[in-house]
Amino acid sequence: MAIQPIRLFGDPILRTPAAPVETFDKELRRLVKDLTDTMMEAPGAGLAAPQIGVSLRVFTYWVDDELGHLINPDLDLSVDEQEGDEGCLSLPDLAFDTRRAMRVVARGMNMHGEPVVIEGSELKARAIQHETDHLDGILFIDRLDPELRKEAMRQIRAAEWFGEPAPTVQISPHSISERWL
């Protein structure tokens, strides 16, 4: 199990569109596992790769006891909409009513490069749209009306976590070959 730090609002990776996955290998399967483990530990209804510092089009979800993932998603959204409470692991302790499509059909790949189709409504549709937005560099607060977005920004600036530096990865000063000598 590899729980990763979740990137918070203000980290530039959350505003950067993620690159499509082109290689379906062991590293990708490890990424899906890390995303799943981190999401379940948080806990959350979904987690996108940029939220753990990886700019690839991958997300996991856990809704109504259904655990899954999707790579390189392409969404077809219903015209009917829903409005409901939405939060984000990258914006801890914030939640606002957010308008989303009521139903979604998501096409993409699984971690083995096989095509998959995921259909969902209500919370599942909301989670899939939310995580796909992360892959496009969009946060749910971007979808709020101007007054509500202003309130969200006020709450973000007042949050304890706001302005925390992005996590850094420490690199060993020793080369791999030195360890084996």
N, C-alpha and C. Protein backbone atom coordinates (compact mmCIF):
# COMPACT_ATOMS: atom_id res chain seq x y z
N MET A 1 0.85 -1.17 0.00
CA MET A 1 0.00 0.00 0.00
C MET A 1 0.89 1.24 0.00
N ALA A 2 0.62 2.19 -0.91
CA ALA A 2 1.43 3.40 -1.01
C ALA A 2 0.53 4.63 -0.99
N ILE A 3 0.29 5.13 0.22
CA ILE A 3 -0.51 6.34 0.37
C ILE A 3 0.36 7.52 -0.04
N GLN A 4 -0.15 8.35 -0.92
CA GLN A 4 0.59 9.50 -1.42
C GLN A 4 0.01 10.79 -0.83
N PRO A 5 0.83 11.84 -0.69
CA PRO A 5 0.29 13.13 -0.25
C PRO A 5 -0.62 13.70 -1.33
N ILE A 6 -1.73 14.27 -0.91
CA ILE A 6 -2.68 14.88 -1.85
C ILE A 6 -2.32 16.34 -2.02
N ARG A 7 -2.17 16.75 -3.27
CA ARG A 7 -1.84 18.13 -3.59
C ARG A 7 -3.05 19.02 -3.28
N LEU A 8 -2.76 20.20 -2.73
CA LEU A 8 -3.81 21.12 -2.31
C LEU A 8 -3.93 22.29 -3.27
N PHE A 9 -5.09 22.95 -3.21
CA PHE A 9 -5.35 24.14 -4.00
C PHE A 9 -4.15 25.07 -3.93
N GLY A 10 -3.74 25.57 -5.08
CA GLY A 10 -2.57 26.43 -5.16
C GLY A 10 -1.40 25.73 -5.83
N ASP A 11 -1.39 24.40 -5.81
CA ASP A 11 -0.34 23.64 -6.48
C ASP A 11 -0.61 23.74 -7.99
N PRO A 12 0.37 24.19 -8.78
CA PRO A 12 0.15 24.40 -10.22
C PRO A 12 -0.29 23.14 -10.98
N ILE A 13 0.07 21.95 -10.50
CA ILE A 13 -0.30 20.73 -11.23
C ILE A 13 -1.82 20.58 -11.30
N LEU A 14 -2.54 21.15 -10.32
CA LEU A 14 -4.00 21.04 -10.31
C LEU A 14 -4.65 21.90 -11.40
N ARG A 15 -3.90 22.83 -11.96
CA ARG A 15 -4.42 23.72 -13.01
C ARG A 15 -3.83 23.39 -14.39
N THR A 16 -3.10 22.30 -14.47
CA THR A 16 -2.43 21.92 -15.72
C THR A 16 -3.13 20.72 -16.34
N PRO A 17 -3.58 20.84 -17.60
CA PRO A 17 -4.18 19.66 -18.25
C PRO A 17 -3.19 18.49 -18.27
N ALA A 18 -3.68 17.32 -17.92
CA ALA A 18 -2.85 16.12 -17.85
C ALA A 18 -2.65 15.50 -19.23
N ALA A 19 -1.54 14.82 -19.38
CA ALA A 19 -1.18 14.17 -20.64
C ALA A 19 -1.91 12.83 -20.77
N PRO A 20 -2.28 12.46 -21.98
CA PRO A 20 -2.90 11.14 -22.19
C PRO A 20 -1.91 10.03 -21.85
N VAL A 21 -2.43 8.93 -21.35
CA VAL A 21 -1.61 7.75 -21.08
C VAL A 21 -1.37 7.05 -22.42
N GLU A 22 -0.11 6.74 -22.69
CA GLU A 22 0.23 6.04 -23.93
C GLU A 22 0.83 4.67 -23.66
N THR A 23 1.36 4.46 -22.46
CA THR A 23 2.02 3.20 -22.12
C THR A 23 1.28 2.53 -20.97
N PHE A 24 0.81 1.33 -21.22
CA PHE A 24 0.05 0.56 -20.23
C PHE A 24 0.98 -0.52 -19.68
N ASP A 25 1.71 -0.15 -18.63
CA ASP A 25 2.75 -1.03 -18.09
C ASP A 25 2.63 -1.16 -16.58
N LYS A 26 3.64 -1.74 -15.98
CA LYS A 26 3.66 -1.96 -14.53
C LYS A 26 3.60 -0.64 -13.76
N GLU A 27 4.26 0.39 -14.26
CA GLU A 27 4.23 1.70 -13.61
C GLU A 27 2.82 2.26 -13.57
N LEU A 28 2.07 2.09 -14.65
CA LEU A 28 0.69 2.57 -14.68
C LEU A 28 -0.16 1.79 -13.67
N ARG A 29 0.03 0.49 -13.60
CA ARG A 29 -0.73 -0.31 -12.63
C ARG A 29 -0.38 0.11 -11.20
N ARG A 30 0.86 0.47 -10.95
CA ARG A 30 1.28 0.98 -9.63
C ARG A 30 0.60 2.32 -9.34
N LEU A 31 0.50 3.18 -10.36
CA LEU A 31 -0.18 4.47 -10.20
C LEU A 31 -1.64 4.26 -9.82
N VAL A 32 -2.33 3.34 -10.52
CA VAL A 32 -3.74 3.06 -10.21
C VAL A 32 -3.86 2.55 -8.78
N LYS A 33 -2.94 1.69 -8.35
CA LYS A 33 -2.97 1.18 -6.97
C LYS A 33 -2.73 2.30 -5.97
N ASP A 34 -1.74 3.15 -6.23
CA ASP A 34 -1.46 4.28 -5.33
C ASP A 34 -2.66 5.22 -5.24
N LEU A 35 -3.29 5.51 -6.39
CA LEU A 35 -4.48 6.36 -6.39
C LEU A 35 -5.60 5.72 -5.56
N THR A 36 -5.81 4.43 -5.76
CA THR A 36 -6.87 3.72 -5.05
C THR A 36 -6.60 3.73 -3.54
N ASP A 37 -5.38 3.38 -3.15
CA ASP A 37 -5.02 3.34 -1.74
C ASP A 37 -5.18 4.72 -1.09
N THR A 38 -4.72 5.75 -1.78
CA THR A 38 -4.79 7.11 -1.25
C THR A 38 -6.23 7.57 -1.14
N MET A 39 -7.04 7.27 -2.16
CA MET A 39 -8.46 7.65 -2.15
C MET A 39 -9.19 6.97 -0.99
N MET A 40 -8.94 5.68 -0.81
CA MET A 40 -9.64 4.93 0.24
C MET A 40 -9.22 5.41 1.62
N GLU A 41 -7.96 5.77 1.79
CA GLU A 41 -7.45 6.24 3.07
C GLU A 41 -8.01 7.62 3.41
N ALA A 42 -8.27 8.45 2.39
CA ALA A 42 -8.63 9.85 2.61
C ALA A 42 -9.87 10.06 3.50
N PRO A 43 -10.99 9.46 3.36
CA PRO A 43 -11.54 8.75 2.20
C PRO A 43 -12.20 9.74 1.24
N GLY A 44 -12.32 9.31 -0.01
CA GLY A 44 -12.96 10.14 -1.01
C GLY A 44 -13.76 9.30 -1.98
N ALA A 45 -14.57 9.97 -2.80
CA ALA A 45 -15.37 9.29 -3.82
C ALA A 45 -14.60 9.16 -5.12
N GLY A 46 -13.46 9.85 -5.21
CA GLY A 46 -12.63 9.78 -6.39
C GLY A 46 -11.32 10.49 -6.16
N LEU A 47 -10.34 10.18 -7.01
CA LEU A 47 -9.03 10.82 -6.94
C LEU A 47 -8.40 10.75 -8.32
N ALA A 48 -7.90 11.89 -8.79
CA ALA A 48 -7.25 11.96 -10.10
C ALA A 48 -5.74 12.03 -9.92
N ALA A 49 -5.01 11.50 -10.88
CA ALA A 49 -3.55 11.45 -10.82
C ALA A 49 -2.89 12.81 -10.52
N PRO A 50 -3.35 13.92 -11.11
CA PRO A 50 -2.72 15.20 -10.76
C PRO A 50 -2.80 15.53 -9.26
N GLN A 51 -3.80 14.99 -8.59
CA GLN A 51 -3.94 15.27 -7.16
C GLN A 51 -2.85 14.62 -6.32
N ILE A 52 -2.12 13.67 -6.90
CA ILE A 52 -0.96 13.11 -6.20
C ILE A 52 0.33 13.45 -6.96
N GLY A 53 0.24 14.47 -7.82
CA GLY A 53 1.43 14.99 -8.48
C GLY A 53 1.84 14.31 -9.76
N VAL A 54 0.94 13.53 -10.36
CA VAL A 54 1.24 12.83 -11.61
C VAL A 54 0.34 13.39 -12.71
N SER A 55 0.93 14.00 -13.71
CA SER A 55 0.15 14.65 -14.76
C SER A 55 -0.20 13.68 -15.89
N LEU A 56 -1.02 12.69 -15.54
CA LEU A 56 -1.53 11.72 -16.53
C LEU A 56 -3.05 11.63 -16.38
N ARG A 57 -3.71 11.27 -17.48
CA ARG A 57 -5.18 11.21 -17.51
C ARG A 57 -5.67 9.88 -16.93
N VAL A 58 -5.62 9.80 -15.59
CA VAL A 58 -6.02 8.60 -14.85
C VAL A 58 -6.78 9.05 -13.62
N PHE A 59 -7.90 8.37 -13.31
CA PHE A 59 -8.55 8.60 -12.03
C PHE A 59 -9.16 7.31 -11.51
N THR A 60 -9.39 7.32 -10.20
CA THR A 60 -10.08 6.21 -9.53
C THR A 60 -11.37 6.75 -8.94
N TYR A 61 -12.30 5.86 -8.66
CA TYR A 61 -13.54 6.27 -8.01
C TYR A 61 -14.03 5.14 -7.10
N TRP A 62 -14.81 5.54 -6.12
CA TRP A 62 -15.44 4.60 -5.19
C TRP A 62 -16.79 5.17 -4.81
N VAL A 63 -17.82 4.70 -5.49
CA VAL A 63 -19.17 5.22 -5.30
C VAL A 63 -20.13 4.05 -5.17
N ASP A 64 -20.99 4.11 -4.17
CA ASP A 64 -21.99 3.06 -3.94
C ASP A 64 -21.34 1.67 -3.91
N ASP A 65 -20.24 1.57 -3.20
CA ASP A 65 -19.48 0.32 -3.04
C ASP A 65 -18.93 -0.22 -4.36
N GLU A 66 -18.84 0.62 -5.37
CA GLU A 66 -18.20 0.23 -6.64
C GLU A 66 -16.86 0.93 -6.75
N LEU A 67 -15.81 0.13 -6.80
CA LEU A 67 -14.45 0.65 -6.91
C LEU A 67 -14.00 0.49 -8.36
N GLY A 68 -13.46 1.54 -8.94
CA GLY A 68 -13.00 1.44 -10.32
C GLY A 68 -12.00 2.52 -10.67
N HIS A 69 -11.56 2.47 -11.90
CA HIS A 69 -10.63 3.48 -12.43
C HIS A 69 -10.91 3.66 -13.91
N LEU A 70 -10.44 4.78 -14.44
CA LEU A 70 -10.60 5.05 -15.86
C LEU A 70 -9.37 5.83 -16.34
N ILE A 71 -8.93 5.46 -17.53
CA ILE A 71 -7.75 6.08 -18.14
C ILE A 71 -8.17 6.69 -19.47
N ASN A 72 -7.70 7.91 -19.71
CA ASN A 72 -8.01 8.66 -20.93
C ASN A 72 -9.53 8.75 -21.16
N PRO A 73 -10.27 9.27 -20.17
CA PRO A 73 -11.73 9.30 -20.29
C PRO A 73 -12.24 10.27 -21.35
N ASP A 74 -13.35 9.87 -21.95
CA ASP A 74 -14.10 10.71 -22.88
C ASP A 74 -15.55 10.60 -22.42
N LEU A 75 -16.18 11.73 -22.11
CA LEU A 75 -17.51 11.72 -21.50
C LEU A 75 -18.60 12.16 -22.45
N ASP A 76 -19.74 11.47 -22.36
CA ASP A 76 -20.99 11.92 -22.97
C ASP A 76 -21.91 12.25 -21.81
N LEU A 77 -22.37 13.52 -21.75
CA LEU A 77 -23.18 13.98 -20.64
C LEU A 77 -24.64 14.13 -21.03
N SER A 78 -25.52 13.84 -20.10
CA SER A 78 -26.95 14.04 -20.35
C SER A 78 -27.26 15.54 -20.35
N VAL A 79 -28.37 15.91 -20.98
CA VAL A 79 -28.78 17.31 -20.98
C VAL A 79 -29.45 17.68 -19.65
N ASP A 80 -30.09 16.69 -19.00
CA ASP A 80 -30.70 17.00 -17.71
C ASP A 80 -29.60 17.11 -16.65
N GLU A 81 -29.82 18.02 -15.71
CA GLU A 81 -28.79 18.33 -14.73
C GLU A 81 -29.23 18.05 -13.31
N GLN A 82 -28.28 18.05 -12.42
CA GLN A 82 -28.51 17.92 -10.99
C GLN A 82 -27.71 19.02 -10.30
N GLU A 83 -28.16 19.39 -9.13
CA GLU A 83 -27.41 20.31 -8.30
C GLU A 83 -27.23 19.63 -6.96
N GLY A 84 -26.00 19.60 -6.47
CA GLY A 84 -25.78 18.93 -5.20
C GLY A 84 -24.46 19.30 -4.58
N ASP A 85 -24.33 18.93 -3.33
CA ASP A 85 -23.14 19.20 -2.53
C ASP A 85 -21.93 18.52 -3.16
N GLU A 86 -20.87 19.27 -3.33
CA GLU A 86 -19.64 18.71 -3.90
C GLU A 86 -18.45 19.26 -3.13
N GLY A 87 -17.50 18.39 -2.87
CA GLY A 87 -16.26 18.76 -2.21
C GLY A 87 -15.10 18.19 -2.98
N CYS A 88 -13.89 18.35 -2.44
CA CYS A 88 -12.70 17.90 -3.14
C CYS A 88 -11.59 17.65 -2.14
N LEU A 89 -10.87 16.57 -2.31
CA LEU A 89 -9.75 16.26 -1.42
C LEU A 89 -8.63 17.29 -1.52
N SER A 90 -8.57 18.03 -2.62
CA SER A 90 -7.56 19.07 -2.78
C SER A 90 -8.02 20.42 -2.21
N LEU A 91 -9.26 20.47 -1.74
CA LEU A 91 -9.81 21.65 -1.06
C LEU A 91 -10.49 21.16 0.22
N PRO A 92 -9.70 20.70 1.20
CA PRO A 92 -10.28 20.05 2.37
C PRO A 92 -11.31 20.91 3.10
N ASP A 93 -12.35 20.24 3.56
CA ASP A 93 -13.39 20.84 4.41
C ASP A 93 -14.24 21.88 3.70
N LEU A 94 -14.20 21.95 2.38
CA LEU A 94 -15.07 22.85 1.63
C LEU A 94 -16.06 22.04 0.84
N ALA A 95 -17.29 22.50 0.79
CA ALA A 95 -18.32 21.85 -0.04
C ALA A 95 -19.32 22.92 -0.45
N PHE A 96 -19.74 22.85 -1.71
CA PHE A 96 -20.70 23.81 -2.25
C PHE A 96 -21.62 23.10 -3.23
N ASP A 97 -22.85 23.60 -3.34
CA ASP A 97 -23.77 23.08 -4.35
C ASP A 97 -23.18 23.39 -5.72
N THR A 98 -23.06 22.34 -6.53
CA THR A 98 -22.44 22.45 -7.84
C THR A 98 -23.34 21.78 -8.87
N ARG A 99 -23.52 22.43 -10.00
CA ARG A 99 -24.36 21.90 -11.08
C ARG A 99 -23.53 20.96 -11.94
N ARG A 100 -24.10 19.77 -12.19
CA ARG A 100 -23.47 18.75 -13.03
C ARG A 100 -24.55 18.07 -13.87
N ALA A 101 -24.13 17.36 -14.90
CA ALA A 101 -25.06 16.52 -15.67
C ALA A 101 -25.57 15.40 -14.76
N MET A 102 -26.80 15.01 -14.96
CA MET A 102 -27.42 13.97 -14.14
C MET A 102 -26.85 12.58 -14.45
N ARG A 103 -26.53 12.36 -15.73
CA ARG A 103 -26.03 11.05 -16.15
C ARG A 103 -24.79 11.23 -17.03
N VAL A 104 -23.95 10.19 -17.01
CA VAL A 104 -22.73 10.23 -17.82
C VAL A 104 -22.47 8.84 -18.38
N VAL A 105 -21.94 8.84 -19.60
CA VAL A 105 -21.36 7.63 -20.19
C VAL A 105 -19.90 7.98 -20.43
N ALA A 106 -19.01 7.25 -19.75
CA ALA A 106 -17.58 7.52 -19.84
C ALA A 106 -16.90 6.37 -20.56
N ARG A 107 -16.16 6.71 -21.60
CA ARG A 107 -15.40 5.71 -22.35
C ARG A 107 -13.92 5.97 -22.13
N GLY A 108 -13.17 4.90 -22.00
CA GLY A 108 -11.73 5.02 -21.82
C GLY A 108 -11.11 3.64 -21.80
N MET A 109 -10.04 3.52 -21.03
CA MET A 109 -9.31 2.26 -20.95
C MET A 109 -9.13 1.89 -19.49
N ASN A 110 -8.91 0.60 -19.26
CA ASN A 110 -8.51 0.18 -17.92
C ASN A 110 -6.98 0.14 -17.88
N MET A 111 -6.42 -0.26 -16.74
CA MET A 111 -4.96 -0.23 -16.58
C MET A 111 -4.22 -1.23 -17.46
N HIS A 112 -4.95 -2.12 -18.11
CA HIS A 112 -4.33 -3.10 -19.02
C HIS A 112 -4.47 -2.68 -20.49
N GLY A 113 -5.04 -1.49 -20.72
CA GLY A 113 -5.20 -0.99 -22.07
C GLY A 113 -6.43 -1.51 -22.79
N GLU A 114 -7.33 -2.13 -22.04
CA GLU A 114 -8.58 -2.64 -22.62
C GLU A 114 -9.65 -1.57 -22.56
N PRO A 115 -10.46 -1.44 -23.63
CA PRO A 115 -11.51 -0.43 -23.63
C PRO A 115 -12.60 -0.75 -22.59
N VAL A 116 -13.09 0.30 -21.92
CA VAL A 116 -14.17 0.15 -20.96
C VAL A 116 -15.17 1.27 -21.14
N VAL A 117 -16.41 0.99 -20.74
CA VAL A 117 -17.48 1.99 -20.72
C VAL A 117 -18.07 1.97 -19.32
N ILE A 118 -18.16 3.13 -18.71
CA ILE A 118 -18.75 3.26 -17.38
C ILE A 118 -19.96 4.18 -17.51
N GLU A 119 -21.09 3.70 -17.04
CA GLU A 119 -22.30 4.52 -17.05
C GLU A 119 -22.70 4.81 -15.61
N GLY A 120 -23.16 6.04 -15.36
CA GLY A 120 -23.56 6.37 -14.01
C GLY A 120 -24.51 7.54 -13.99
N SER A 121 -25.23 7.62 -12.89
CA SER A 121 -26.11 8.76 -12.67
C SER A 121 -25.91 9.27 -11.26
N GLU A 122 -26.43 10.44 -11.01
CA GLU A 122 -26.38 11.10 -9.71
C GLU A 122 -24.96 11.16 -9.15
N LEU A 123 -24.68 10.52 -7.99
CA LEU A 123 -23.36 10.65 -7.36
C LEU A 123 -22.24 10.09 -8.24
N LYS A 124 -22.49 8.96 -8.87
CA LYS A 124 -21.46 8.38 -9.74
C LYS A 124 -21.16 9.31 -10.91
N ALA A 125 -22.20 9.87 -11.51
CA ALA A 125 -22.00 10.82 -12.61
C ALA A 125 -21.23 12.04 -12.12
N ARG A 126 -21.58 12.53 -10.94
CA ARG A 126 -20.89 13.68 -10.35
C ARG A 126 -19.40 13.38 -10.14
N ALA A 127 -19.10 12.21 -9.58
CA ALA A 127 -17.71 11.84 -9.30
C ALA A 127 -16.90 11.73 -10.60
N ILE A 128 -17.46 11.09 -11.61
CA ILE A 128 -16.75 10.93 -12.88
C ILE A 128 -16.50 12.28 -13.54
N GLN A 129 -17.48 13.18 -13.50
CA GLN A 129 -17.29 14.51 -14.07
C GLN A 129 -16.24 15.30 -13.28
N HIS A 130 -16.32 15.22 -11.96
CA HIS A 130 -15.38 15.92 -11.09
C HIS A 130 -13.94 15.48 -11.36
N GLU A 131 -13.72 14.16 -11.42
CA GLU A 131 -12.37 13.65 -11.64
C GLU A 131 -11.86 13.95 -13.05
N THR A 132 -12.74 13.89 -14.04
CA THR A 132 -12.34 14.25 -15.40
C THR A 132 -11.97 15.72 -15.47
N ASP A 133 -12.71 16.57 -14.75
CA ASP A 133 -12.33 17.99 -14.67
C ASP A 133 -10.90 18.14 -14.16
N HIS A 134 -10.53 17.38 -13.13
CA HIS A 134 -9.15 17.45 -12.62
C HIS A 134 -8.15 17.17 -13.73
N LEU A 135 -8.47 16.24 -14.60
CA LEU A 135 -7.55 15.89 -15.69
C LEU A 135 -7.42 17.02 -16.71
N ASP A 136 -8.42 17.92 -16.72
CA ASP A 136 -8.41 19.06 -17.62
C ASP A 136 -7.92 20.34 -16.94
N GLY A 137 -7.47 20.24 -15.67
CA GLY A 137 -7.00 21.41 -14.94
C GLY A 137 -8.12 22.27 -14.39
N ILE A 138 -9.30 21.69 -14.23
CA ILE A 138 -10.48 22.41 -13.74
C ILE A 138 -10.82 21.92 -12.34
N LEU A 139 -11.11 22.86 -11.44
CA LEU A 139 -11.55 22.52 -10.09
C LEU A 139 -13.05 22.79 -9.98
N PHE A 140 -13.71 22.08 -9.07
CA PHE A 140 -15.17 22.24 -8.98
C PHE A 140 -15.58 23.67 -8.66
N ILE A 141 -14.73 24.43 -7.97
CA ILE A 141 -15.09 25.81 -7.67
C ILE A 141 -15.18 26.67 -8.93
N ASP A 142 -14.53 26.23 -10.01
CA ASP A 142 -14.62 26.94 -11.29
C ASP A 142 -16.02 26.86 -11.87
N ARG A 143 -16.81 25.90 -11.43
CA ARG A 143 -18.16 25.69 -11.95
C ARG A 143 -19.22 26.41 -11.13
N LEU A 144 -18.82 27.08 -10.06
CA LEU A 144 -19.76 27.80 -9.21
C LEU A 144 -20.15 29.13 -9.84
N ASP A 145 -21.35 29.64 -9.49
CA ASP A 145 -21.71 30.97 -9.95
C ASP A 145 -20.77 31.98 -9.28
N PRO A 146 -20.64 33.19 -9.85
CA PRO A 146 -19.63 34.14 -9.37
C PRO A 146 -19.71 34.45 -7.86
N GLU A 147 -20.91 34.61 -7.31
CA GLU A 147 -21.03 34.92 -5.88
C GLU A 147 -20.58 33.75 -5.01
N LEU A 148 -20.98 32.54 -5.38
CA LEU A 148 -20.59 31.36 -4.61
C LEU A 148 -19.09 31.11 -4.74
N ARG A 149 -18.54 31.36 -5.92
CA ARG A 149 -17.10 31.20 -6.12
C ARG A 149 -16.32 32.19 -5.25
N LYS A 150 -16.84 33.39 -5.14
CA LYS A 150 -16.21 34.40 -4.29
C LYS A 150 -16.19 33.92 -2.83
N GLU A 151 -17.30 33.34 -2.38
CA GLU A 151 -17.38 32.79 -1.03
C GLU A 151 -16.40 31.62 -0.86
N ALA A 152 -16.31 30.76 -1.87
CA ALA A 152 -15.38 29.64 -1.82
C ALA A 152 -13.95 30.15 -1.68
N MET A 153 -13.59 31.17 -2.44
CA MET A 153 -12.23 31.72 -2.36
C MET A 153 -11.98 32.34 -0.99
N ARG A 154 -12.99 32.97 -0.39
CA ARG A 154 -12.84 33.53 0.95
C ARG A 154 -12.54 32.42 1.95
N GLN A 155 -13.29 31.30 1.84
CA GLN A 155 -13.09 30.18 2.75
C GLN A 155 -11.72 29.51 2.51
N ILE A 156 -11.29 29.45 1.28
CA ILE A 156 -9.98 28.87 0.97
C ILE A 156 -8.88 29.70 1.63
N ARG A 157 -8.95 31.03 1.45
CA ARG A 157 -7.91 31.90 2.03
C ARG A 157 -7.88 31.81 3.55
N ALA A 158 -9.04 31.50 4.17
CA ALA A 158 -9.11 31.40 5.63
C ALA A 158 -8.74 30.01 6.15
N ALA A 159 -8.62 29.04 5.26
CA ALA A 159 -8.36 27.66 5.67
C ALA A 159 -6.94 27.51 6.23
N GLU A 160 -6.80 26.63 7.23
CA GLU A 160 -5.50 26.36 7.84
C GLU A 160 -4.47 25.87 6.83
N TRP A 161 -4.92 25.08 5.87
CA TRP A 161 -4.00 24.46 4.92
C TRP A 161 -3.59 25.39 3.78
N PHE A 162 -4.29 26.51 3.60
CA PHE A 162 -4.01 27.38 2.47
C PHE A 162 -2.60 27.97 2.58
N GLY A 163 -1.87 27.92 1.49
CA GLY A 163 -0.53 28.48 1.43
C GLY A 163 0.56 27.51 1.87
N GLU A 164 0.17 26.29 2.23
CA GLU A 164 1.17 25.28 2.59
C GLU A 164 2.01 24.97 1.36
N PRO A 165 3.30 24.78 1.52
CA PRO A 165 4.13 24.46 0.36
C PRO A 165 3.79 23.08 -0.21
N ALA A 166 3.97 22.93 -1.49
CA ALA A 166 3.74 21.63 -2.14
C ALA A 166 4.74 20.62 -1.62
N PRO A 167 4.34 19.36 -1.48
CA PRO A 167 5.29 18.36 -0.98
C PRO A 167 6.45 18.20 -1.94
N THR A 168 7.63 17.92 -1.38
CA THR A 168 8.80 17.69 -2.21
C THR A 168 9.24 16.25 -2.04
N VAL A 169 9.89 15.75 -3.05
CA VAL A 169 10.41 14.39 -3.01
C VAL A 169 11.89 14.48 -2.74
N GLN A 170 12.35 13.79 -1.72
CA GLN A 170 13.78 13.80 -1.42
C GLN A 170 14.47 12.74 -2.29
N ILE A 171 15.56 13.14 -2.89
CA ILE A 171 16.35 12.25 -3.72
C ILE A 171 17.59 11.84 -2.91
N SER A 172 17.89 10.57 -2.93
CA SER A 172 19.07 10.09 -2.21
C SER A 172 20.32 10.68 -2.83
N PRO A 173 21.29 11.10 -1.98
CA PRO A 173 22.55 11.63 -2.53
C PRO A 173 23.46 10.52 -3.05
N HIS A 174 23.06 9.28 -2.83
CA HIS A 174 23.88 8.14 -3.24
C HIS A 174 23.38 7.57 -4.56
N SER A 175 24.30 7.27 -5.45
CA SER A 175 23.88 6.64 -6.69
C SER A 175 23.54 5.18 -6.40
N ILE A 176 22.80 4.57 -7.27
CA ILE A 176 22.40 3.18 -7.07
C ILE A 176 23.63 2.28 -7.01
N SER A 177 24.62 2.54 -7.84
CA SER A 177 25.79 1.67 -7.87
C SER A 177 26.59 1.74 -6.57
N GLU A 178 26.62 2.90 -5.88
CA GLU A 178 27.35 3.02 -4.62
C GLU A 178 26.74 2.12 -3.55
N ARG A 179 25.45 1.91 -3.58
CA ARG A 179 24.80 1.08 -2.56
C ARG A 179 25.22 -0.36 -2.66
N TRP A 180 25.63 -0.79 -3.82
CA TRP A 180 25.95 -2.20 -4.02
C TRP A 180 27.44 -2.49 -3.96
N LEU A 181 28.26 -1.48 -3.73
CA LEU A 181 29.72 -1.68 -3.68
C LEU A 181 30.18 -2.17 -2.33
